[in-house]
N, C-alpha and C. Protein backbone atom coordinates (compact mmCIF):
# COMPACT_ATOMS: atom_id res chain seq x y z
N MET A 1 -21.83 5.19 -1.95
CA MET A 1 -20.58 5.28 -1.22
C MET A 1 -20.42 4.11 -0.24
N LYS A 2 -21.57 3.65 0.31
CA LYS A 2 -21.52 2.50 1.20
C LYS A 2 -20.96 1.29 0.48
N ARG A 3 -21.29 1.19 -0.82
CA ARG A 3 -20.81 0.06 -1.62
C ARG A 3 -19.29 0.08 -1.73
N ILE A 4 -18.73 1.29 -1.91
CA ILE A 4 -17.27 1.42 -1.99
C ILE A 4 -16.63 0.97 -0.69
N LEU A 5 -17.20 1.40 0.44
CA LEU A 5 -16.64 1.02 1.74
C LEU A 5 -16.78 -0.47 1.98
N GLN A 6 -17.87 -1.07 1.50
CA GLN A 6 -18.03 -2.52 1.63
C GLN A 6 -16.96 -3.25 0.84
N ILE A 7 -16.62 -2.71 -0.33
CA ILE A 7 -15.57 -3.31 -1.15
C ILE A 7 -14.23 -3.23 -0.42
N PHE A 8 -13.94 -2.05 0.23
CA PHE A 8 -12.71 -1.91 1.01
C PHE A 8 -12.63 -2.98 2.09
N VAL A 9 -13.75 -3.18 2.79
CA VAL A 9 -13.78 -4.17 3.86
C VAL A 9 -13.51 -5.56 3.31
N LEU A 10 -14.13 -5.87 2.16
CA LEU A 10 -13.94 -7.17 1.53
C LEU A 10 -12.49 -7.38 1.13
N ILE A 11 -11.90 -6.36 0.50
CA ILE A 11 -10.50 -6.44 0.08
C ILE A 11 -9.60 -6.66 1.29
N SER A 12 -9.85 -5.89 2.34
CA SER A 12 -9.05 -6.01 3.55
C SER A 12 -9.18 -7.39 4.16
N SER A 13 -10.41 -7.91 4.20
CA SER A 13 -10.65 -9.23 4.76
C SER A 13 -9.91 -10.30 3.97
N CYS A 14 -9.92 -10.16 2.65
CA CYS A 14 -9.22 -11.11 1.79
C CYS A 14 -7.73 -11.05 2.05
N SER A 15 -7.20 -9.85 2.25
CA SER A 15 -5.78 -9.70 2.53
C SER A 15 -5.43 -10.38 3.85
N PHE A 16 -6.33 -10.24 4.87
CA PHE A 16 -6.07 -10.86 6.16
C PHE A 16 -5.98 -12.38 6.00
N MET A 17 -6.92 -12.94 5.21
CA MET A 17 -6.99 -14.39 5.07
C MET A 17 -5.83 -14.93 4.25
N ALA A 18 -5.42 -14.19 3.21
CA ALA A 18 -4.39 -14.68 2.30
C ALA A 18 -2.99 -14.42 2.81
N ALA A 19 -2.84 -13.41 3.64
CA ALA A 19 -1.52 -13.07 4.15
C ALA A 19 -1.02 -14.14 5.11
N GLN A 20 0.28 -14.36 5.10
CA GLN A 20 0.89 -15.37 5.95
C GLN A 20 2.28 -14.91 6.33
N ASP A 21 2.95 -15.71 7.14
CA ASP A 21 4.29 -15.34 7.58
C ASP A 21 5.38 -15.94 6.70
N GLN A 22 5.05 -16.98 5.93
CA GLN A 22 6.06 -17.62 5.09
C GLN A 22 5.51 -17.96 3.72
N LEU A 23 6.38 -17.83 2.72
CA LEU A 23 5.99 -18.09 1.34
C LEU A 23 7.13 -18.82 0.64
N LEU A 24 6.80 -19.90 -0.03
CA LEU A 24 7.78 -20.63 -0.85
C LEU A 24 7.38 -20.44 -2.30
N LYS A 25 8.22 -19.74 -3.04
CA LYS A 25 7.91 -19.43 -4.44
C LYS A 25 9.19 -19.11 -5.19
N ASP A 26 9.24 -19.52 -6.45
CA ASP A 26 10.39 -19.18 -7.29
C ASP A 26 10.22 -17.75 -7.78
N ILE A 27 10.90 -16.81 -7.14
CA ILE A 27 10.79 -15.41 -7.58
C ILE A 27 12.00 -14.94 -8.38
N ASP A 28 13.06 -15.78 -8.45
CA ASP A 28 14.25 -15.39 -9.22
C ASP A 28 14.37 -16.16 -10.54
N PHE A 29 13.29 -16.88 -10.89
CA PHE A 29 13.13 -17.48 -12.22
C PHE A 29 14.19 -18.52 -12.58
N ASP A 30 14.60 -19.34 -11.59
CA ASP A 30 15.55 -20.42 -11.90
C ASP A 30 14.93 -21.79 -11.67
N SER A 31 13.60 -21.82 -11.54
CA SER A 31 12.83 -23.06 -11.36
C SER A 31 13.07 -23.74 -10.02
N VAL A 32 13.66 -23.02 -9.06
CA VAL A 32 13.85 -23.54 -7.71
C VAL A 32 13.13 -22.60 -6.75
N LYS A 33 12.36 -23.16 -5.84
CA LYS A 33 11.58 -22.31 -4.93
C LYS A 33 12.49 -21.56 -3.96
N ASP A 34 12.14 -20.31 -3.77
CA ASP A 34 12.85 -19.45 -2.82
C ASP A 34 12.01 -19.31 -1.57
N SER A 35 12.63 -18.85 -0.50
CA SER A 35 11.95 -18.70 0.78
C SER A 35 11.82 -17.22 1.13
N ILE A 36 10.59 -16.80 1.37
CA ILE A 36 10.32 -15.43 1.80
C ILE A 36 9.51 -15.52 3.08
N PHE A 37 9.95 -14.87 4.13
CA PHE A 37 9.17 -14.93 5.36
C PHE A 37 9.29 -13.65 6.18
N LEU A 38 8.31 -13.51 7.05
CA LEU A 38 8.23 -12.35 7.94
C LEU A 38 8.74 -12.78 9.30
N ASP A 39 9.88 -12.24 9.68
CA ASP A 39 10.47 -12.52 10.99
C ASP A 39 9.88 -11.53 11.98
N ARG A 40 8.89 -11.96 12.73
CA ARG A 40 8.18 -11.04 13.62
C ARG A 40 9.02 -10.65 14.84
N LYS A 41 9.94 -11.50 15.22
CA LYS A 41 10.80 -11.17 16.35
C LYS A 41 11.68 -9.97 16.03
N GLU A 42 12.22 -9.97 14.81
CA GLU A 42 13.10 -8.87 14.38
C GLU A 42 12.33 -7.81 13.59
N SER A 43 11.07 -8.10 13.25
CA SER A 43 10.22 -7.20 12.45
C SER A 43 10.85 -6.88 11.09
N VAL A 44 11.31 -7.92 10.40
CA VAL A 44 11.92 -7.75 9.08
C VAL A 44 11.36 -8.78 8.10
N ILE A 45 11.43 -8.44 6.82
CA ILE A 45 11.14 -9.39 5.75
C ILE A 45 12.46 -10.06 5.40
N VAL A 46 12.48 -11.38 5.36
CA VAL A 46 13.70 -12.13 5.05
C VAL A 46 13.48 -12.95 3.78
N CYS A 47 14.42 -12.86 2.86
CA CYS A 47 14.36 -13.64 1.63
C CYS A 47 15.64 -14.46 1.47
N ARG A 48 15.46 -15.70 1.05
CA ARG A 48 16.60 -16.56 0.71
C ARG A 48 16.38 -17.04 -0.72
N LEU A 49 17.22 -16.57 -1.63
CA LEU A 49 17.07 -16.87 -3.05
C LEU A 49 18.02 -17.98 -3.47
N SER A 50 17.48 -18.94 -4.20
CA SER A 50 18.29 -20.07 -4.66
C SER A 50 19.42 -19.62 -5.58
N SER A 51 19.13 -18.64 -6.43
CA SER A 51 20.15 -18.17 -7.38
C SER A 51 21.30 -17.44 -6.69
N GLU A 52 21.08 -17.05 -5.43
CA GLU A 52 22.13 -16.39 -4.65
C GLU A 52 22.66 -17.30 -3.55
N GLY A 53 22.49 -18.61 -3.74
CA GLY A 53 22.98 -19.58 -2.77
C GLY A 53 22.23 -19.52 -1.44
N PHE A 54 20.98 -19.08 -1.50
CA PHE A 54 20.12 -18.94 -0.32
C PHE A 54 20.71 -17.98 0.72
N LYS A 55 21.54 -17.07 0.24
CA LYS A 55 22.08 -16.03 1.12
C LYS A 55 20.94 -15.11 1.56
N VAL A 56 20.95 -14.70 2.82
CA VAL A 56 19.87 -13.89 3.38
C VAL A 56 19.89 -12.47 2.81
N GLN A 57 18.73 -12.05 2.34
CA GLN A 57 18.48 -10.65 2.02
C GLN A 57 17.32 -10.23 2.91
N LYS A 58 17.44 -9.11 3.60
CA LYS A 58 16.35 -8.72 4.49
C LYS A 58 16.14 -7.21 4.50
N SER A 59 14.94 -6.84 4.92
CA SER A 59 14.59 -5.43 5.01
C SER A 59 15.18 -4.84 6.28
N LEU A 60 15.04 -3.54 6.40
CA LEU A 60 15.30 -2.88 7.67
C LEU A 60 14.14 -3.20 8.60
N PRO A 61 14.26 -2.96 9.90
CA PRO A 61 13.13 -3.24 10.81
C PRO A 61 11.88 -2.43 10.46
N ILE A 62 10.76 -3.12 10.42
CA ILE A 62 9.45 -2.49 10.19
C ILE A 62 8.77 -2.46 11.56
N LYS A 63 8.88 -1.35 12.24
CA LYS A 63 8.49 -1.27 13.65
C LYS A 63 7.00 -1.44 13.89
N TYR A 64 6.19 -0.92 12.98
CA TYR A 64 4.75 -0.89 13.23
C TYR A 64 4.01 -1.94 12.40
N LEU A 65 4.31 -3.19 12.67
CA LEU A 65 3.61 -4.30 12.03
C LEU A 65 2.44 -4.72 12.92
N ASP A 66 1.25 -4.78 12.34
CA ASP A 66 0.11 -5.26 13.11
C ASP A 66 0.28 -6.76 13.37
N GLU A 67 0.12 -7.17 14.60
CA GLU A 67 0.39 -8.55 14.98
C GLU A 67 -0.58 -9.55 14.37
N THR A 68 -1.82 -9.14 14.16
CA THR A 68 -2.83 -10.09 13.70
C THR A 68 -3.16 -10.00 12.21
N SER A 69 -2.99 -8.83 11.61
CA SER A 69 -3.45 -8.68 10.22
C SER A 69 -2.35 -8.23 9.25
N SER A 70 -1.11 -8.43 9.62
CA SER A 70 -0.03 -8.17 8.68
C SER A 70 0.51 -9.51 8.20
N GLY A 71 1.17 -9.51 7.05
CA GLY A 71 1.74 -10.74 6.52
C GLY A 71 2.21 -10.55 5.10
N ILE A 72 2.68 -11.62 4.50
CA ILE A 72 3.12 -11.58 3.11
C ILE A 72 2.25 -12.52 2.28
N LYS A 73 2.12 -12.22 1.01
CA LYS A 73 1.37 -13.12 0.13
C LYS A 73 1.95 -13.06 -1.27
N GLU A 74 1.65 -14.07 -2.03
CA GLU A 74 2.17 -14.22 -3.39
C GLU A 74 1.50 -13.23 -4.33
N THR A 75 2.28 -12.70 -5.26
CA THR A 75 1.74 -11.91 -6.37
C THR A 75 2.22 -12.56 -7.67
N LYS A 76 1.74 -12.06 -8.78
CA LYS A 76 2.09 -12.66 -10.07
C LYS A 76 3.60 -12.65 -10.31
N ASN A 77 4.25 -11.53 -9.99
CA ASN A 77 5.68 -11.40 -10.29
C ASN A 77 6.58 -11.45 -9.07
N GLY A 78 6.01 -11.67 -7.89
CA GLY A 78 6.84 -11.68 -6.70
C GLY A 78 6.02 -11.89 -5.45
N PHE A 79 6.07 -10.92 -4.54
CA PHE A 79 5.31 -11.02 -3.29
C PHE A 79 4.99 -9.62 -2.79
N GLU A 80 4.10 -9.55 -1.82
CA GLU A 80 3.78 -8.26 -1.22
C GLU A 80 3.63 -8.39 0.29
N LEU A 81 3.94 -7.30 0.95
CA LEU A 81 3.71 -7.17 2.38
C LEU A 81 2.40 -6.45 2.57
N ASN A 82 1.53 -7.00 3.43
CA ASN A 82 0.29 -6.33 3.80
C ASN A 82 0.37 -5.93 5.26
N ASN A 83 0.01 -4.71 5.55
CA ASN A 83 0.04 -4.23 6.94
C ASN A 83 -1.24 -3.43 7.16
N ASN A 84 -2.18 -4.01 7.90
CA ASN A 84 -3.50 -3.40 8.07
C ASN A 84 -3.81 -3.16 9.54
N TRP A 85 -4.44 -2.02 9.80
CA TRP A 85 -4.88 -1.69 11.15
C TRP A 85 -6.41 -1.59 11.16
N MET A 86 -6.95 -0.95 12.18
CA MET A 86 -8.41 -0.89 12.31
C MET A 86 -9.09 -0.15 11.15
N ARG A 87 -8.56 1.00 10.79
CA ARG A 87 -9.25 1.81 9.78
C ARG A 87 -8.33 2.26 8.64
N SER A 88 -7.17 1.65 8.54
CA SER A 88 -6.25 2.00 7.45
C SER A 88 -5.25 0.88 7.26
N GLY A 89 -4.55 0.94 6.15
CA GLY A 89 -3.53 -0.07 5.90
C GLY A 89 -2.82 0.18 4.58
N TYR A 90 -1.77 -0.59 4.36
CA TYR A 90 -1.03 -0.46 3.11
C TYR A 90 -0.48 -1.82 2.68
N SER A 91 -0.10 -1.90 1.43
CA SER A 91 0.64 -3.06 0.94
C SER A 91 1.81 -2.56 0.12
N ALA A 92 2.87 -3.34 0.09
CA ALA A 92 4.09 -3.00 -0.65
C ALA A 92 4.47 -4.20 -1.51
N GLN A 93 4.60 -3.97 -2.82
CA GLN A 93 4.87 -5.07 -3.74
C GLN A 93 6.36 -5.11 -4.11
N PHE A 94 6.90 -6.33 -4.13
CA PHE A 94 8.32 -6.54 -4.44
C PHE A 94 8.48 -7.55 -5.56
N ARG A 95 9.59 -7.41 -6.31
CA ARG A 95 9.94 -8.42 -7.30
C ARG A 95 11.46 -8.50 -7.43
N PHE A 96 11.93 -9.60 -7.96
CA PHE A 96 13.36 -9.80 -8.16
C PHE A 96 13.80 -9.13 -9.46
N GLU A 97 14.85 -8.33 -9.38
CA GLU A 97 15.41 -7.68 -10.56
C GLU A 97 16.61 -8.50 -11.05
N LYS A 98 16.46 -9.12 -12.22
CA LYS A 98 17.50 -10.00 -12.74
C LYS A 98 18.83 -9.26 -12.93
N LYS A 99 18.76 -8.06 -13.46
CA LYS A 99 19.97 -7.29 -13.75
C LYS A 99 20.76 -6.99 -12.48
N ASP A 100 20.08 -6.55 -11.45
CA ASP A 100 20.74 -6.17 -10.20
C ASP A 100 20.89 -7.34 -9.23
N LYS A 101 20.17 -8.45 -9.50
CA LYS A 101 20.16 -9.60 -8.61
C LYS A 101 19.73 -9.21 -7.19
N ARG A 102 18.78 -8.31 -7.15
CA ARG A 102 18.26 -7.82 -5.87
C ARG A 102 16.75 -7.75 -5.93
N ILE A 103 16.12 -7.71 -4.78
CA ILE A 103 14.67 -7.61 -4.68
C ILE A 103 14.29 -6.15 -4.54
N ARG A 104 13.43 -5.70 -5.44
CA ARG A 104 13.10 -4.27 -5.52
C ARG A 104 11.64 -4.01 -5.18
N LEU A 105 11.40 -2.91 -4.50
CA LEU A 105 10.03 -2.43 -4.26
C LEU A 105 9.52 -1.82 -5.56
N ILE A 106 8.39 -2.33 -6.07
CA ILE A 106 7.89 -1.85 -7.36
C ILE A 106 6.54 -1.14 -7.27
N GLY A 107 5.89 -1.20 -6.12
CA GLY A 107 4.60 -0.53 -6.01
C GLY A 107 4.09 -0.52 -4.58
N MET A 108 3.20 0.41 -4.30
CA MET A 108 2.54 0.50 -3.00
C MET A 108 1.10 0.92 -3.20
N ASP A 109 0.25 0.47 -2.32
CA ASP A 109 -1.11 1.00 -2.29
C ASP A 109 -1.57 1.10 -0.85
N ARG A 110 -2.58 1.90 -0.62
CA ARG A 110 -3.06 2.13 0.74
C ARG A 110 -4.54 2.47 0.73
N TYR A 111 -5.17 2.36 1.88
CA TYR A 111 -6.57 2.73 2.02
C TYR A 111 -6.78 3.37 3.38
N GLU A 112 -7.84 4.15 3.47
CA GLU A 112 -8.27 4.80 4.71
C GLU A 112 -9.79 4.72 4.77
N PHE A 113 -10.33 4.42 5.95
CA PHE A 113 -11.78 4.49 6.13
C PHE A 113 -12.21 5.86 6.63
N GLY A 114 -11.25 6.68 7.08
CA GLY A 114 -11.58 8.01 7.60
C GLY A 114 -12.22 7.92 8.96
N ASN A 115 -12.89 9.00 9.36
CA ASN A 115 -13.55 9.02 10.67
C ASN A 115 -14.92 8.35 10.60
N ALA A 116 -15.74 8.56 11.61
CA ALA A 116 -17.06 7.92 11.66
C ALA A 116 -17.94 8.31 10.48
N ALA A 117 -17.73 9.51 9.93
CA ALA A 117 -18.50 9.97 8.77
C ALA A 117 -17.80 9.62 7.46
N ASN A 118 -16.72 8.84 7.56
CA ASN A 118 -15.91 8.44 6.40
C ASN A 118 -15.21 9.62 5.73
N ASP A 119 -15.06 10.72 6.47
CA ASP A 119 -14.31 11.87 5.97
C ASP A 119 -12.86 11.45 5.82
N GLY A 120 -12.31 11.61 4.61
CA GLY A 120 -10.93 11.21 4.37
C GLY A 120 -10.78 9.77 3.93
N SER A 121 -11.90 9.12 3.62
CA SER A 121 -11.83 7.72 3.18
C SER A 121 -11.41 7.64 1.72
N GLY A 122 -10.86 6.48 1.34
CA GLY A 122 -10.47 6.28 -0.04
C GLY A 122 -9.30 5.34 -0.16
N GLU A 123 -8.71 5.33 -1.34
CA GLU A 123 -7.57 4.46 -1.61
C GLU A 123 -6.69 5.08 -2.68
N SER A 124 -5.43 4.64 -2.70
CA SER A 124 -4.50 5.14 -3.71
C SER A 124 -3.43 4.10 -3.98
N SER A 125 -2.73 4.28 -5.08
CA SER A 125 -1.64 3.37 -5.42
C SER A 125 -0.58 4.14 -6.20
N VAL A 126 0.64 3.63 -6.13
CA VAL A 126 1.72 4.20 -6.92
C VAL A 126 2.53 3.06 -7.52
N ASN A 127 2.80 3.17 -8.81
CA ASN A 127 3.66 2.22 -9.52
C ASN A 127 5.05 2.85 -9.55
N LEU A 128 5.99 2.26 -8.82
CA LEU A 128 7.32 2.85 -8.73
C LEU A 128 8.14 2.69 -10.00
N LEU A 129 7.69 1.82 -10.91
CA LEU A 129 8.40 1.64 -12.18
C LEU A 129 8.01 2.72 -13.19
N THR A 130 6.74 3.12 -13.16
CA THR A 130 6.26 4.14 -14.10
C THR A 130 6.05 5.50 -13.45
N GLU A 131 6.08 5.53 -12.10
CA GLU A 131 5.84 6.73 -11.30
C GLU A 131 4.39 7.19 -11.35
N ASP A 132 3.48 6.32 -11.80
CA ASP A 132 2.06 6.68 -11.92
C ASP A 132 1.35 6.54 -10.57
N TYR A 133 0.74 7.63 -10.14
CA TYR A 133 -0.05 7.65 -8.91
C TYR A 133 -1.52 7.80 -9.27
N ILE A 134 -2.38 7.01 -8.62
CA ILE A 134 -3.82 7.13 -8.79
C ILE A 134 -4.45 7.17 -7.40
N GLY A 135 -5.27 8.18 -7.15
CA GLY A 135 -5.92 8.31 -5.85
C GLY A 135 -7.41 8.56 -5.99
N ASP A 136 -8.21 7.82 -5.25
CA ASP A 136 -9.66 8.02 -5.20
C ASP A 136 -10.03 8.29 -3.74
N TRP A 137 -10.37 9.55 -3.45
CA TRP A 137 -10.61 9.98 -2.08
C TRP A 137 -11.94 10.69 -1.92
N ASN A 138 -12.42 10.73 -0.67
CA ASN A 138 -13.71 11.35 -0.35
C ASN A 138 -13.56 12.28 0.85
N TYR A 139 -14.41 13.27 0.90
CA TYR A 139 -14.47 14.12 2.09
C TYR A 139 -15.93 14.35 2.45
N PHE A 140 -16.18 14.65 3.71
CA PHE A 140 -17.55 14.87 4.17
C PHE A 140 -17.82 16.37 4.22
N ASP A 141 -18.83 16.79 3.45
CA ASP A 141 -19.22 18.20 3.40
C ASP A 141 -20.44 18.39 4.30
N HIS A 142 -20.24 19.04 5.44
CA HIS A 142 -21.32 19.24 6.41
C HIS A 142 -22.43 20.16 5.89
N LEU A 143 -22.12 21.00 4.91
CA LEU A 143 -23.09 21.96 4.41
C LEU A 143 -23.90 21.43 3.23
N ALA A 144 -23.45 20.32 2.66
CA ALA A 144 -24.15 19.75 1.50
C ALA A 144 -25.46 19.10 1.91
N ASN A 145 -26.28 18.80 0.91
CA ASN A 145 -27.55 18.08 1.14
C ASN A 145 -28.42 18.82 2.15
N ASN A 146 -28.63 20.12 1.88
CA ASN A 146 -29.44 20.97 2.76
C ASN A 146 -28.92 20.97 4.21
N GLU A 147 -27.60 21.01 4.31
CA GLU A 147 -26.89 21.04 5.59
C GLU A 147 -27.09 19.77 6.43
N ASN A 148 -27.50 18.68 5.77
CA ASN A 148 -27.55 17.38 6.43
C ASN A 148 -26.24 16.63 6.29
N GLY A 149 -25.39 17.16 5.43
CA GLY A 149 -24.09 16.54 5.21
C GLY A 149 -24.12 15.49 4.12
N GLU A 150 -22.99 15.36 3.43
CA GLU A 150 -22.90 14.38 2.34
C GLU A 150 -21.43 14.04 2.10
N LEU A 151 -21.17 12.77 1.81
CA LEU A 151 -19.82 12.33 1.47
C LEU A 151 -19.58 12.65 0.00
N ILE A 152 -18.55 13.44 -0.27
CA ILE A 152 -18.26 13.91 -1.62
C ILE A 152 -17.05 13.18 -2.19
N LYS A 153 -17.21 12.65 -3.39
CA LYS A 153 -16.11 11.99 -4.09
C LYS A 153 -15.26 13.03 -4.81
N ILE A 154 -13.97 13.09 -4.48
CA ILE A 154 -13.04 13.96 -5.19
C ILE A 154 -12.71 13.30 -6.52
N PRO A 155 -12.68 14.04 -7.64
CA PRO A 155 -12.30 13.43 -8.91
C PRO A 155 -10.98 12.67 -8.80
N THR A 156 -10.90 11.55 -9.48
CA THR A 156 -9.71 10.70 -9.41
C THR A 156 -8.45 11.52 -9.70
N ILE A 157 -7.47 11.37 -8.81
CA ILE A 157 -6.20 12.09 -8.94
C ILE A 157 -5.22 11.20 -9.70
N LYS A 158 -4.70 11.68 -10.80
CA LYS A 158 -3.70 10.95 -11.58
C LYS A 158 -2.52 11.88 -11.83
N ILE A 159 -1.40 11.58 -11.20
CA ILE A 159 -0.20 12.40 -11.38
C ILE A 159 1.03 11.49 -11.37
N LYS A 160 2.18 12.09 -11.64
CA LYS A 160 3.45 11.38 -11.50
C LYS A 160 3.97 11.59 -10.08
N MET A 161 4.39 10.50 -9.44
CA MET A 161 4.95 10.57 -8.10
C MET A 161 6.28 9.80 -8.11
N PRO A 162 7.38 10.49 -8.34
CA PRO A 162 8.67 9.80 -8.44
C PRO A 162 9.23 9.36 -7.09
N PHE A 163 9.84 8.20 -7.08
CA PHE A 163 10.59 7.68 -5.94
C PHE A 163 11.94 7.21 -6.46
N ARG A 164 12.95 7.27 -5.61
CA ARG A 164 14.24 6.68 -5.97
C ARG A 164 14.07 5.16 -6.02
N LYS A 165 15.05 4.46 -6.59
CA LYS A 165 15.02 3.00 -6.57
C LYS A 165 15.12 2.52 -5.13
N ILE A 166 14.20 1.67 -4.73
CA ILE A 166 14.17 1.18 -3.36
C ILE A 166 14.26 -0.35 -3.39
N TYR A 167 15.27 -0.88 -2.74
CA TYR A 167 15.44 -2.32 -2.67
C TYR A 167 14.99 -2.83 -1.30
N LEU A 168 14.85 -4.14 -1.19
CA LEU A 168 14.39 -4.73 0.06
C LEU A 168 15.24 -4.27 1.24
N GLN A 169 16.56 -4.20 1.03
CA GLN A 169 17.47 -3.80 2.11
C GLN A 169 17.25 -2.36 2.57
N ASP A 170 16.56 -1.55 1.75
CA ASP A 170 16.29 -0.15 2.09
C ASP A 170 14.92 0.04 2.75
N PHE A 171 14.11 -1.01 2.73
CA PHE A 171 12.69 -0.85 3.09
C PHE A 171 12.48 -0.88 4.61
N ASN A 172 11.76 0.13 5.10
CA ASN A 172 11.26 0.15 6.48
C ASN A 172 10.00 1.01 6.52
N ASP A 173 9.54 1.37 7.70
CA ASP A 173 8.30 2.15 7.84
C ASP A 173 8.33 3.48 7.11
N GLU A 174 9.51 4.06 7.00
CA GLU A 174 9.62 5.40 6.40
C GLU A 174 9.13 5.43 4.96
N ILE A 175 9.29 4.33 4.23
CA ILE A 175 8.89 4.30 2.82
C ILE A 175 7.37 4.43 2.67
N PRO A 176 6.56 3.56 3.27
CA PRO A 176 5.10 3.75 3.16
C PRO A 176 4.61 5.03 3.83
N TYR A 177 5.28 5.49 4.89
CA TYR A 177 4.86 6.72 5.54
C TYR A 177 5.15 7.94 4.67
N ASN A 178 6.21 7.87 3.90
CA ASN A 178 6.50 8.93 2.92
C ASN A 178 5.39 8.97 1.87
N PHE A 179 4.99 7.78 1.41
CA PHE A 179 3.88 7.67 0.45
C PHE A 179 2.60 8.23 1.06
N THR A 180 2.31 7.87 2.31
CA THR A 180 1.12 8.36 3.00
C THR A 180 1.13 9.88 3.12
N SER A 181 2.28 10.43 3.44
CA SER A 181 2.41 11.88 3.59
C SER A 181 2.12 12.60 2.27
N GLN A 182 2.67 12.07 1.18
CA GLN A 182 2.41 12.68 -0.13
C GLN A 182 0.94 12.55 -0.51
N CYS A 183 0.33 11.41 -0.16
CA CYS A 183 -1.11 11.21 -0.41
C CYS A 183 -1.93 12.26 0.35
N ALA A 184 -1.56 12.49 1.60
CA ALA A 184 -2.30 13.44 2.44
C ALA A 184 -2.23 14.85 1.85
N ASP A 185 -1.05 15.23 1.36
CA ASP A 185 -0.90 16.56 0.74
C ASP A 185 -1.77 16.68 -0.51
N LEU A 186 -1.79 15.62 -1.31
CA LEU A 186 -2.62 15.64 -2.52
C LEU A 186 -4.10 15.69 -2.17
N TYR A 187 -4.47 14.94 -1.14
CA TYR A 187 -5.87 14.94 -0.68
C TYR A 187 -6.31 16.35 -0.31
N GLU A 188 -5.51 17.05 0.48
CA GLU A 188 -5.86 18.41 0.91
C GLU A 188 -5.94 19.36 -0.28
N LYS A 189 -5.01 19.21 -1.21
CA LYS A 189 -4.99 20.08 -2.39
C LYS A 189 -6.24 19.89 -3.25
N TYR A 190 -6.55 18.63 -3.57
CA TYR A 190 -7.66 18.37 -4.47
C TYR A 190 -9.02 18.49 -3.77
N LYS A 191 -9.03 18.29 -2.46
CA LYS A 191 -10.24 18.55 -1.69
C LYS A 191 -10.57 20.04 -1.76
N SER A 192 -9.56 20.89 -1.58
CA SER A 192 -9.76 22.33 -1.64
C SER A 192 -10.27 22.76 -3.01
N LEU A 193 -9.71 22.18 -4.06
CA LEU A 193 -10.15 22.51 -5.42
C LEU A 193 -11.60 22.10 -5.65
N GLU A 194 -11.97 20.92 -5.15
CA GLU A 194 -13.34 20.43 -5.33
C GLU A 194 -14.32 21.28 -4.54
N MET A 195 -13.93 21.71 -3.34
CA MET A 195 -14.81 22.55 -2.53
C MET A 195 -15.05 23.89 -3.20
N LYS A 196 -14.00 24.48 -3.78
CA LYS A 196 -14.14 25.75 -4.50
C LYS A 196 -15.04 25.59 -5.71
N LYS A 197 -14.86 24.48 -6.41
CA LYS A 197 -15.67 24.19 -7.61
C LYS A 197 -17.15 24.06 -7.23
N ARG A 198 -17.43 23.38 -6.14
CA ARG A 198 -18.82 23.17 -5.72
C ARG A 198 -19.47 24.47 -5.24
N LYS A 199 -18.69 25.36 -4.66
CA LYS A 199 -19.23 26.63 -4.20
C LYS A 199 -19.66 27.51 -5.38
N LYS A 200 -18.92 27.39 -6.48
CA LYS A 200 -19.22 28.20 -7.67
C LYS A 200 -20.46 27.69 -8.40
N SER A 201 -20.70 26.37 -8.30
CA SER A 201 -21.81 25.79 -9.06
C SER A 201 -23.15 25.94 -8.34
């Protein structure tokens, strides 16, 4: 389990180093670079697309941006926002939709280190195009291991998690917090199932 947590730290560290406030990349596929940047004064993501005459497209205010470890970075099909705190964080992936000529949120992922015993640690992701959710979570069982306690891996959660179409102009803190809330409910549900299963065995 320590290895998993070390991987989380490594991933987070890489996100910190790669994330930035400005990105120049052709995301609307017209061979002209577009401008994507994080306006920290207004706490919004701002995009200027060449195919739209560099007209501003921006998110709603994202109130809880970490000052030192949040930023944007390039992805294969677009860009993502990373927002990381001391023991948790999330990323939100965006891409340009040719049909709608708008920038759409297509996926989110998040991680938690949990408390000092790593109770509640893990990670999850949701693909908003396919509605596929995958969650790998752990809980600390104080009675396990001859009552010395043990971190228990909950079996991987794979379910459908539908979201409405979300565009950049709709995006704010409520979107990842909604995802977090649904994750928390699933965690409690599957934690309870795993605890019952372990009691029977």
